[in-house]
Amino acid sequence: MTPISIAVLSLSMSADAFAASVGRGAAHRPNFSTAVRNGLVFGLIEAITPLIGWALGLAAAGFVERVDHWIAFGLLAAVGGKMLWESFQPVEADDARQAMRRGVWALIATAIGTSIDAAAVGVGLAFIGANIWIIAAAIGFTTFVMTTIGMLIGRAVGLKFGKIAEAIGGAALIGLGTMILLEHTGVIGG
């Protein structure tokens, strides 16, 4: 993958965490050190989940080598489509209540919930032979930065901005999946 593709993927993968952190920031009104601690938790978990998905993908790669680019496209398009769909759903009272939850376990549960898509992407990355270590580090670092910023922004602007970021991230994942498919089928040079 090119550095630009890795950057797009990292930003896309951090969009869910960013949206959740805007909600947490709106609910908790954190100070800077709390925002950084939350960012570290989200970033660490977001860096681990694509490694888990990648390991699972490697185990299955030999069986699906002829269609791996279609699988990578399908996974990225599905995750991106889900993110787009969720971004257009109204912020429900239950969403606001979940954003109000406090405590380390609620934080970890939220971080895991927003990183499940990174595991699915990790599976796809195994199929295309991407360097998972660089990508996982980029995703983790980007998520740390975006979550920290999201919590601080959430104090000021509330939940709506998080939905916009989620829509942009979803569209970027669909675009990235399409690029992988087009490169591996020879439609465009890569």
Protein backbone atom coordinates (compact mmCIF):
# COMPACT_ATOMS: atom_id res chain seq x y z
CA MET A 1 0.00 0.00 0.00
CA THR A 2 1.15 3.52 -0.72
CA PRO A 3 1.70 6.06 2.07
CA ILE A 4 -1.41 7.92 0.86
CA SER A 5 -3.49 4.73 1.03
CA ILE A 6 -2.21 4.07 4.55
CA ALA A 7 -3.10 7.63 5.57
CA VAL A 8 -6.61 7.32 4.11
CA LEU A 9 -7.09 3.95 5.80
CA SER A 10 -5.82 5.31 9.13
CA LEU A 11 -8.12 8.31 9.00
CA SER A 12 -11.06 6.13 7.98
CA MET A 13 -10.44 3.64 10.76
CA SER A 14 -10.24 6.45 13.31
CA ALA A 15 -13.55 8.00 12.19
CA ASP A 16 -15.69 5.75 14.45
CA ALA A 17 -13.46 6.47 17.43
CA PHE A 18 -13.51 10.18 16.58
CA ALA A 19 -17.31 10.18 16.44
CA ALA A 20 -17.54 8.34 19.77
CA SER A 21 -15.00 10.67 21.36
CA VAL A 22 -16.93 13.74 20.24
CA GLY A 23 -19.93 12.24 22.02
CA ARG A 24 -17.90 11.47 25.13
CA GLY A 25 -16.41 14.97 25.03
CA ALA A 26 -19.86 16.53 24.74
CA ALA A 27 -21.07 14.47 27.70
CA HIS A 28 -18.02 14.64 29.98
CA ARG A 29 -16.41 17.98 29.08
CA PRO A 30 -12.90 16.55 29.71
CA ASN A 31 -9.71 18.43 30.45
CA PHE A 32 -6.65 17.93 28.24
CA SER A 33 -5.04 15.13 30.29
CA THR A 34 -8.30 13.14 30.37
CA ALA A 35 -8.66 13.56 26.61
CA VAL A 36 -5.07 12.27 26.12
CA ARG A 37 -5.68 9.24 28.39
CA ASN A 38 -8.86 8.41 26.46
CA GLY A 39 -6.94 8.84 23.20
CA LEU A 40 -4.28 6.40 24.38
CA VAL A 41 -6.87 3.73 25.21
CA PHE A 42 -8.64 4.13 21.87
CA GLY A 43 -5.36 4.24 19.93
CA LEU A 44 -3.93 1.12 21.58
CA ILE A 45 -7.06 -0.93 21.04
CA GLU A 46 -7.43 0.34 17.47
CA ALA A 47 -3.82 -0.71 16.74
CA ILE A 48 -4.33 -4.23 18.16
CA THR A 49 -7.54 -5.16 16.34
CA PRO A 50 -6.19 -5.05 12.77
CA LEU A 51 -3.33 -7.31 13.94
CA ILE A 52 -5.90 -9.84 15.17
CA GLY A 53 -7.83 -9.62 11.89
CA TRP A 54 -4.60 -9.89 9.90
CA ALA A 55 -3.60 -13.07 11.76
CA LEU A 56 -7.00 -14.59 11.02
CA GLY A 57 -6.71 -13.50 7.39
CA LEU A 58 -3.29 -15.11 7.04
CA ALA A 59 -4.69 -18.38 8.30
CA ALA A 60 -7.28 -18.30 5.51
CA ALA A 61 -5.20 -16.62 2.78
CA GLY A 62 -4.02 -19.83 1.11
CA PHE A 63 -7.60 -20.92 0.59
CA VAL A 64 -8.79 -17.71 -1.02
CA GLU A 65 -5.77 -16.44 -2.94
CA ARG A 66 -7.60 -16.19 -6.28
CA VAL A 67 -10.36 -13.94 -4.90
CA ASP A 68 -8.48 -12.08 -2.16
CA HIS A 69 -8.94 -8.66 -3.79
CA TRP A 70 -12.69 -9.23 -3.98
CA ILE A 71 -12.74 -10.15 -0.28
CA ALA A 72 -10.71 -7.07 0.64
CA PHE A 73 -13.07 -4.93 -1.46
CA GLY A 74 -16.15 -6.56 0.08
CA LEU A 75 -14.93 -6.09 3.65
CA LEU A 76 -13.91 -2.46 3.13
CA ALA A 77 -17.12 -1.67 1.26
CA ALA A 78 -19.25 -3.34 3.96
CA VAL A 79 -17.51 -1.50 6.80
CA GLY A 80 -17.61 1.77 4.87
CA GLY A 81 -21.26 1.27 3.98
CA LYS A 82 -22.14 0.57 7.61
CA MET A 83 -20.31 3.72 8.68
CA LEU A 84 -22.18 5.76 6.04
CA TRP A 85 -25.53 4.29 7.06
CA GLU A 86 -24.89 4.98 10.76
CA SER A 87 -23.80 8.54 10.02
CA PHE A 88 -27.26 9.31 8.64
CA GLN A 89 -29.12 7.83 11.61
CA PRO A 90 -30.48 10.37 14.10
CA VAL A 91 -28.75 10.75 17.43
CA GLU A 92 -31.15 8.92 19.70
CA ALA A 93 -31.64 9.46 23.40
CA ASP A 94 -29.99 6.06 23.91
CA ASP A 95 -26.87 7.27 22.03
CA ALA A 96 -26.71 10.30 24.29
CA ARG A 97 -27.16 8.06 27.34
CA GLN A 98 -24.32 5.81 26.17
CA ALA A 99 -22.09 8.84 25.65
CA MET A 100 -22.80 9.78 29.28
CA ARG A 101 -21.43 6.49 30.65
CA ARG A 102 -18.38 6.95 32.80
CA GLY A 103 -15.59 4.72 33.98
CA VAL A 104 -12.69 2.82 32.55
CA TRP A 105 -14.80 -0.22 31.55
CA ALA A 106 -17.22 1.94 29.60
CA LEU A 107 -14.23 3.58 27.89
CA ILE A 108 -12.67 0.22 26.98
CA ALA A 109 -16.01 -1.17 25.77
CA THR A 110 -16.52 1.89 23.56
CA ALA A 111 -12.97 1.60 22.20
CA ILE A 112 -13.47 -2.09 21.38
CA GLY A 113 -16.84 -1.38 19.80
CA THR A 114 -15.37 1.25 17.51
CA SER A 115 -12.39 -0.94 16.55
CA ILE A 116 -14.21 -4.08 15.40
CA ASP A 117 -14.20 -2.74 11.85
CA ALA A 118 -10.38 -2.51 12.02
CA ALA A 119 -10.27 -6.27 12.64
CA ALA A 120 -12.31 -6.86 9.50
CA VAL A 121 -9.99 -4.54 7.57
CA GLY A 122 -7.01 -6.47 9.00
CA VAL A 123 -8.40 -9.64 7.42
CA GLY A 124 -8.55 -7.90 4.05
CA LEU A 125 -5.02 -6.55 4.47
CA ALA A 126 -3.70 -10.07 5.01
CA PHE A 127 -5.20 -11.10 1.70
CA ILE A 128 -3.35 -8.38 -0.21
CA GLY A 129 -0.04 -8.88 1.63
CA ALA A 130 0.09 -5.41 3.20
CA ASN A 131 2.68 -4.53 5.87
CA ILE A 132 0.40 -4.84 8.88
CA TRP A 133 2.94 -3.48 11.39
CA ILE A 134 3.24 -0.10 9.71
CA ILE A 135 -0.49 0.06 9.05
CA ALA A 136 -1.47 -0.95 12.61
CA ALA A 137 0.94 1.65 14.05
CA ALA A 138 -0.47 4.31 11.70
CA ILE A 139 -4.05 3.40 12.61
CA GLY A 140 -3.24 3.42 16.34
CA PHE A 141 -1.42 6.74 16.22
CA THR A 142 -4.07 8.39 14.06
CA THR A 143 -6.82 7.10 16.34
CA PHE A 144 -4.97 8.43 19.40
CA VAL A 145 -4.69 11.88 17.82
CA MET A 146 -8.25 11.93 16.43
CA THR A 147 -9.79 10.68 19.68
CA THR A 148 -7.93 13.22 21.78
CA ILE A 149 -8.95 16.01 19.41
CA GLY A 150 -12.51 14.64 19.20
CA MET A 151 -12.97 14.74 22.95
CA LEU A 152 -11.76 18.32 23.09
CA ILE A 153 -13.96 19.31 20.14
CA GLY A 154 -16.93 17.51 21.71
CA ARG A 155 -16.82 19.93 24.60
CA ALA A 156 -17.61 22.74 22.21
CA VAL A 157 -19.66 21.39 19.30
CA GLY A 158 -21.50 18.28 20.49
CA LEU A 159 -22.50 15.09 18.65
CA LYS A 160 -23.41 16.30 15.12
CA PHE A 161 -19.78 16.84 13.99
CA GLY A 162 -18.97 13.22 14.87
CA LYS A 163 -21.65 12.02 12.44
CA ILE A 164 -20.08 14.04 9.61
CA ALA A 165 -16.64 12.52 10.32
CA GLU A 166 -18.15 9.03 10.30
CA ALA A 167 -19.74 9.66 6.87
CA ILE A 168 -16.43 10.87 5.42
CA GLY A 169 -14.60 7.85 6.87
CA GLY A 170 -17.17 5.44 5.42
CA ALA A 171 -16.90 6.97 1.96
CA ALA A 172 -13.08 6.83 2.15
CA LEU A 173 -13.15 3.09 3.02
CA ILE A 174 -15.41 2.33 0.07
CA GLY A 175 -13.04 4.30 -2.17
CA LEU A 176 -10.00 2.46 -0.81
CA GLY A 177 -11.66 -0.93 -1.35
CA THR A 178 -12.51 0.07 -4.90
CA MET A 179 -8.90 1.10 -5.55
CA ILE A 180 -7.61 -2.27 -4.27
CA LEU A 181 -10.07 -4.10 -6.52
CA LEU A 182 -9.20 -2.01 -9.58
CA GLU A 183 -5.43 -2.43 -9.01
CA HIS A 184 -5.62 -6.20 -8.50
CA THR A 185 -7.87 -6.77 -11.50
CA GLY A 186 -5.55 -4.70 -13.71
CA VAL A 187 -8.06 -1.96 -14.49
CA ILE A 188 -5.58 0.62 -13.16
CA GLY A 189 -1.82 0.32 -12.67
CA GLY A 190 -0.58 0.01 -9.12
